[in-house]
Amino acid sequence: MWISTRWAPTACPVVKGRTWILATGKHRADGLWEVLNIHLMRHSTLVQRGFSLLELLVTLFVVVLITSLVTLNVGSGSGDIRLEAKVRNLADVAGFALDEAQMLGLDYGLLLQRVDVDGEVLYTYSWRERRPAGWQLPGSGKDVFAEQQMPPEIELHLELENVPVAELSIAGGEVEAPPQVVLYASGETTPGAIEVRRRDNSELLWRVEWDLLGRFELLRRGEVEEAL
C-alpha cells in the first residue's frame, strides 16, 4: 500500500506539534498496529492451511481404505449372489422339467459333470431328454435348459438313495454318461441331494434336497431356515 505523510496541526493552537497521519486518515500508530495484525493474520492463515492439508491427507487415506474394504465386501457379496442364483436355477428348472415330463410323457434327466477348462476342472449341471435314440439335449426350452457352470472355487457332491456319494463323470469322453437324476413322466424321481461346497476347506454352502415326488428344497449351509 502506498503511504504518504502531511503536516497536521495539533489540537492546541499554541503548541504546534507534528503528528504523522497516514493517507487513509488514520494515525501512524493505528496504521502500524493494522499492518502488524495483517502479518499475524497471514501467519495464522498459513498455519491453518498447514493443518487443513494434513487433515485432507488423512481424510483421503481413510476414504481410500474404506473404498477398498467396500470393494472387497461388494466383490465377495456379488460372488455369493451369483452362486445362490445358480443353486436356485437348478431347483427351479428341475421343477419345470418335472412338469414337462408329465405333460409330454417324456423322461427328463439332470446330468452333473466335471469339465476341463484351460487345465482347471469345473463343475457343471445340464439337462437331458430321453428319446428313442437315447438321452439327448431337450428339443425345446433351450434357454431354460442351458448348461450351467459353477464358479471355480465350488465343487458339487451328489447323494442318491442307496448311493451315499455318486461319482461325477468327466465330460468329453467318447460316450456321454447318462444323467444321474431322472425325472420320470410319472411325476416321480429318485430321492437325493446335492451339496455345494468350497473346494479349499469343504465348507458346506448349500444343500439341495428332493423327495420321491420331486419336491425340491434349498437349505442354506444345510440348515432349514426358520420362518419369521
Protein backbone atom coordinates (compact mmCIF):
# COMPACT_ATOMS: atom_id res chain seq x y z
CA MET A 1 0.00 0.00 0.00
CA TRP A 2 1.39 3.47 -0.95
CA ILE A 3 1.72 5.70 2.12
CA SER A 4 2.15 9.48 2.13
CA THR A 5 2.55 11.94 5.00
CA ARG A 6 1.48 15.51 5.61
CA TRP A 7 1.72 18.03 8.42
CA ALA A 8 -1.30 18.30 10.66
CA PRO A 9 -1.88 20.89 13.40
CA THR A 10 -2.35 19.69 16.93
CA ALA A 11 -5.45 20.36 18.94
CA CYS A 12 -3.65 23.09 20.91
CA PRO A 13 -3.14 26.30 18.84
CA VAL A 14 -0.21 27.41 21.00
CA VAL A 15 1.89 24.26 20.85
CA LYS A 16 2.25 23.26 17.28
CA GLY A 17 3.39 19.65 17.37
CA ARG A 18 3.61 17.38 14.42
CA THR A 19 1.74 14.12 14.19
CA TRP A 20 2.16 11.55 11.42
CA ILE A 21 -1.05 10.82 9.62
CA LEU A 22 -1.42 8.11 7.01
CA ALA A 23 -3.05 8.71 3.67
CA THR A 24 -6.00 6.68 4.90
CA GLY A 25 -6.67 9.29 7.55
CA LYS A 26 -5.50 7.09 10.44
CA HIS A 27 -2.76 7.92 12.89
CA ARG A 28 0.57 6.24 12.26
CA ALA A 29 0.36 4.15 15.44
CA ASP A 30 -3.00 2.81 14.42
CA GLY A 31 -1.62 2.01 10.98
CA LEU A 32 1.33 0.11 12.41
CA TRP A 33 -0.99 -1.96 14.55
CA GLU A 34 -3.07 -2.66 11.45
CA VAL A 35 -0.01 -3.80 9.47
CA LEU A 36 1.06 -6.00 12.39
CA ASN A 37 -2.40 -7.50 12.58
CA ILE A 38 -2.27 -8.23 8.85
CA HIS A 39 1.03 -10.10 9.26
CA LEU A 40 -0.35 -12.03 12.21
CA MET A 41 -3.45 -12.95 10.24
CA ARG A 42 -1.31 -14.15 7.33
CA HIS A 43 0.79 -16.27 9.66
CA SER A 44 -2.33 -17.70 11.26
CA THR A 45 -3.76 -18.46 7.83
CA LEU A 46 -0.60 -20.30 6.81
CA VAL A 47 -0.72 -22.36 9.98
CA GLN A 48 -4.37 -23.15 9.39
CA ARG A 49 -3.62 -24.12 5.80
CA GLY A 50 -0.94 -26.48 7.03
CA PHE A 51 -3.35 -28.24 9.37
CA SER A 52 -6.01 -28.34 6.65
CA LEU A 53 -3.60 -30.06 4.26
CA LEU A 54 -2.72 -32.64 6.91
CA GLU A 55 -6.37 -33.23 7.63
CA LEU A 56 -7.03 -33.57 3.90
CA LEU A 57 -4.32 -36.21 3.54
CA VAL A 58 -5.69 -38.16 6.49
CA THR A 59 -9.20 -37.91 5.08
CA LEU A 60 -8.05 -39.13 1.68
CA PHE A 61 -6.28 -42.07 3.31
CA VAL A 62 -9.41 -43.02 5.24
CA VAL A 63 -11.56 -42.70 2.11
CA VAL A 64 -9.21 -44.94 0.11
CA LEU A 65 -9.13 -47.51 2.92
CA ILE A 66 -12.91 -47.57 3.26
CA THR A 67 -13.35 -47.79 -0.51
CA SER A 68 -11.01 -50.79 -0.64
CA LEU A 69 -12.91 -52.56 2.12
CA VAL A 70 -16.25 -51.82 0.48
CA THR A 71 -14.93 -53.11 -2.85
CA LEU A 72 -13.82 -56.35 -1.22
CA ASN A 73 -17.15 -56.78 0.52
CA VAL A 74 -19.09 -56.00 -2.65
CA GLY A 75 -16.95 -58.40 -4.64
CA SER A 76 -17.47 -61.14 -2.10
CA GLY A 77 -21.17 -60.39 -1.84
CA SER A 78 -21.69 -60.45 -5.59
CA GLY A 79 -19.99 -63.86 -5.76
CA ASP A 80 -22.37 -65.22 -3.12
CA ILE A 81 -25.33 -63.79 -5.03
CA ARG A 82 -24.22 -65.43 -8.29
CA LEU A 83 -23.75 -68.76 -6.54
CA GLU A 84 -27.19 -68.55 -4.95
CA ALA A 85 -28.67 -67.77 -8.38
CA LYS A 86 -27.04 -70.92 -9.80
CA VAL A 87 -28.40 -73.07 -6.99
CA ARG A 88 -31.90 -71.63 -7.23
CA ASN A 89 -31.82 -72.07 -11.00
CA LEU A 90 -31.10 -75.77 -10.52
CA ALA A 91 -34.12 -76.25 -8.25
CA ASP A 92 -36.44 -74.11 -10.37
CA VAL A 93 -35.52 -75.79 -13.65
CA ALA A 94 -35.88 -79.21 -12.01
CA GLY A 95 -39.47 -78.35 -11.10
CA PHE A 96 -40.11 -77.13 -14.64
CA ALA A 97 -38.56 -80.29 -16.12
CA LEU A 98 -40.78 -82.49 -13.96
CA ASP A 99 -43.86 -80.61 -15.20
CA GLU A 100 -42.68 -81.00 -18.81
CA ALA A 101 -42.05 -84.71 -18.27
CA GLN A 102 -45.62 -85.28 -17.09
CA MET A 103 -47.14 -83.10 -19.79
CA LEU A 104 -45.14 -84.54 -22.71
CA GLY A 105 -44.86 -88.09 -21.40
CA LEU A 106 -41.05 -87.96 -21.65
CA ASP A 107 -38.42 -88.57 -19.01
CA TYR A 108 -36.00 -85.75 -18.23
CA GLY A 109 -32.63 -86.07 -16.57
CA LEU A 110 -30.16 -83.96 -14.61
CA LEU A 111 -26.51 -84.55 -15.50
CA LEU A 112 -23.72 -83.37 -13.21
CA GLN A 113 -20.22 -83.42 -14.67
CA ARG A 114 -16.68 -82.19 -14.27
CA VAL A 115 -15.21 -80.35 -17.25
CA ASP A 116 -11.64 -79.34 -18.03
CA VAL A 117 -11.42 -75.62 -18.85
CA ASP A 118 -7.88 -74.49 -19.64
CA GLY A 119 -6.43 -77.07 -17.29
CA GLU A 120 -8.85 -76.28 -14.47
CA VAL A 121 -11.61 -78.71 -13.51
CA LEU A 122 -15.01 -77.05 -13.10
CA TYR A 123 -18.37 -78.50 -12.13
CA THR A 124 -21.40 -78.16 -14.39
CA TYR A 125 -25.01 -79.30 -14.48
CA SER A 126 -27.14 -79.74 -17.58
CA TRP A 127 -30.38 -81.34 -18.68
CA ARG A 128 -31.29 -84.23 -20.96
CA GLU A 129 -34.43 -85.61 -22.54
CA ARG A 130 -35.00 -89.33 -23.13
CA ARG A 131 -35.69 -90.15 -26.77
CA PRO A 132 -35.92 -93.49 -28.59
CA ALA A 133 -32.29 -92.98 -29.62
CA GLY A 134 -31.25 -92.33 -26.03
CA TRP A 135 -30.57 -89.29 -23.87
CA GLN A 136 -30.35 -86.06 -25.86
CA LEU A 137 -30.45 -82.34 -25.29
CA PRO A 138 -34.02 -81.09 -24.77
CA GLY A 139 -35.74 -80.23 -28.03
CA SER A 140 -37.48 -77.18 -26.60
CA GLY A 141 -36.73 -74.57 -23.96
CA LYS A 142 -33.05 -74.45 -24.83
CA ASP A 143 -32.54 -71.23 -22.89
CA VAL A 144 -34.19 -72.71 -19.82
CA PHE A 145 -32.23 -75.96 -20.05
CA ALA A 146 -28.90 -74.29 -20.88
CA GLU A 147 -25.83 -75.80 -19.24
CA GLN A 148 -24.72 -74.01 -16.08
CA GLN A 149 -21.12 -73.77 -14.93
CA MET A 150 -20.27 -73.41 -11.27
CA PRO A 151 -17.59 -70.96 -10.04
CA PRO A 152 -14.02 -72.33 -9.93
CA GLU A 153 -13.93 -72.37 -6.11
CA ILE A 154 -17.06 -74.57 -5.89
CA GLU A 155 -17.45 -78.35 -6.01
CA LEU A 156 -20.59 -80.49 -6.11
CA HIS A 157 -21.34 -83.70 -4.21
CA LEU A 158 -24.25 -85.85 -5.34
CA GLU A 159 -26.11 -88.14 -2.95
CA LEU A 160 -28.74 -90.58 -4.20
CA GLU A 161 -30.88 -93.06 -2.35
CA ASN A 162 -28.77 -96.10 -1.50
CA VAL A 163 -25.73 -94.31 -3.00
CA PRO A 164 -24.11 -92.02 -0.40
CA VAL A 165 -21.80 -90.26 -2.87
CA ALA A 166 -22.29 -90.71 -6.60
CA GLU A 167 -19.25 -90.37 -8.83
CA LEU A 168 -19.39 -87.48 -11.28
CA SER A 169 -18.12 -88.22 -14.75
CA ILE A 170 -15.65 -86.08 -16.68
CA ALA A 171 -17.15 -84.52 -19.80
CA GLY A 172 -15.53 -85.02 -23.18
CA GLY A 173 -15.45 -88.81 -23.32
CA GLU A 174 -16.39 -90.84 -26.37
CA VAL A 175 -19.63 -91.96 -24.74
CA GLU A 176 -21.52 -89.41 -22.68
CA ALA A 177 -22.64 -90.63 -19.31
CA PRO A 178 -26.38 -90.79 -18.67
CA PRO A 179 -27.94 -88.31 -16.24
CA GLN A 180 -27.70 -89.34 -12.60
CA VAL A 181 -31.07 -87.88 -11.59
CA VAL A 182 -34.11 -88.93 -13.64
CA LEU A 183 -37.39 -87.03 -13.53
CA TYR A 184 -39.92 -89.58 -14.74
CA ALA A 185 -43.02 -88.86 -16.77
CA SER A 186 -44.99 -90.45 -13.94
CA GLY A 187 -44.09 -87.46 -11.73
CA GLU A 188 -41.62 -89.35 -9.58
CA THR A 189 -37.86 -89.19 -9.19
CA THR A 190 -35.12 -90.88 -7.23
CA PRO A 191 -34.73 -89.11 -3.84
CA GLY A 192 -31.38 -87.48 -3.29
CA ALA A 193 -29.42 -84.33 -2.57
CA ILE A 194 -26.67 -82.14 -3.97
CA GLU A 195 -24.18 -80.47 -1.68
CA VAL A 196 -22.46 -77.27 -2.81
CA ARG A 197 -19.11 -76.90 -1.05
CA ARG A 198 -15.97 -74.79 -1.16
CA ARG A 199 -13.01 -76.60 -2.59
CA ASP A 200 -10.37 -75.20 -0.26
CA ASN A 201 -11.98 -76.20 3.04
CA SER A 202 -15.06 -78.29 2.08
CA GLU A 203 -17.34 -75.74 3.77
CA LEU A 204 -20.98 -76.54 3.07
CA LEU A 205 -22.66 -73.54 1.44
CA TRP A 206 -25.88 -75.02 0.06
CA ARG A 207 -27.72 -78.31 0.12
CA VAL A 208 -30.44 -79.11 -2.42
CA GLU A 209 -32.74 -81.95 -1.37
CA TRP A 210 -35.66 -83.60 -3.15
CA ASP A 211 -38.03 -86.43 -2.36
CA LEU A 212 -39.76 -89.17 -4.35
CA LEU A 213 -42.33 -86.72 -5.72
CA GLY A 214 -39.68 -84.31 -6.98
CA ARG A 215 -40.25 -81.63 -4.36
CA PHE A 216 -37.03 -79.65 -4.15
CA GLU A 217 -35.87 -77.75 -1.09
CA LEU A 218 -32.94 -75.34 -0.73
CA LEU A 219 -31.02 -75.38 2.55
CA ARG A 220 -28.50 -72.62 3.14
CA ARG A 221 -25.48 -74.25 4.82
CA GLY A 222 -27.57 -77.39 5.08
CA GLU A 223 -29.92 -75.89 7.65
CA VAL A 224 -33.64 -75.29 7.48
CA GLU A 225 -34.34 -71.56 7.70
CA GLU A 226 -36.71 -70.61 10.48
CA ALA A 227 -39.89 -68.89 9.39
CA LEU A 228 -40.23 -65.30 10.59
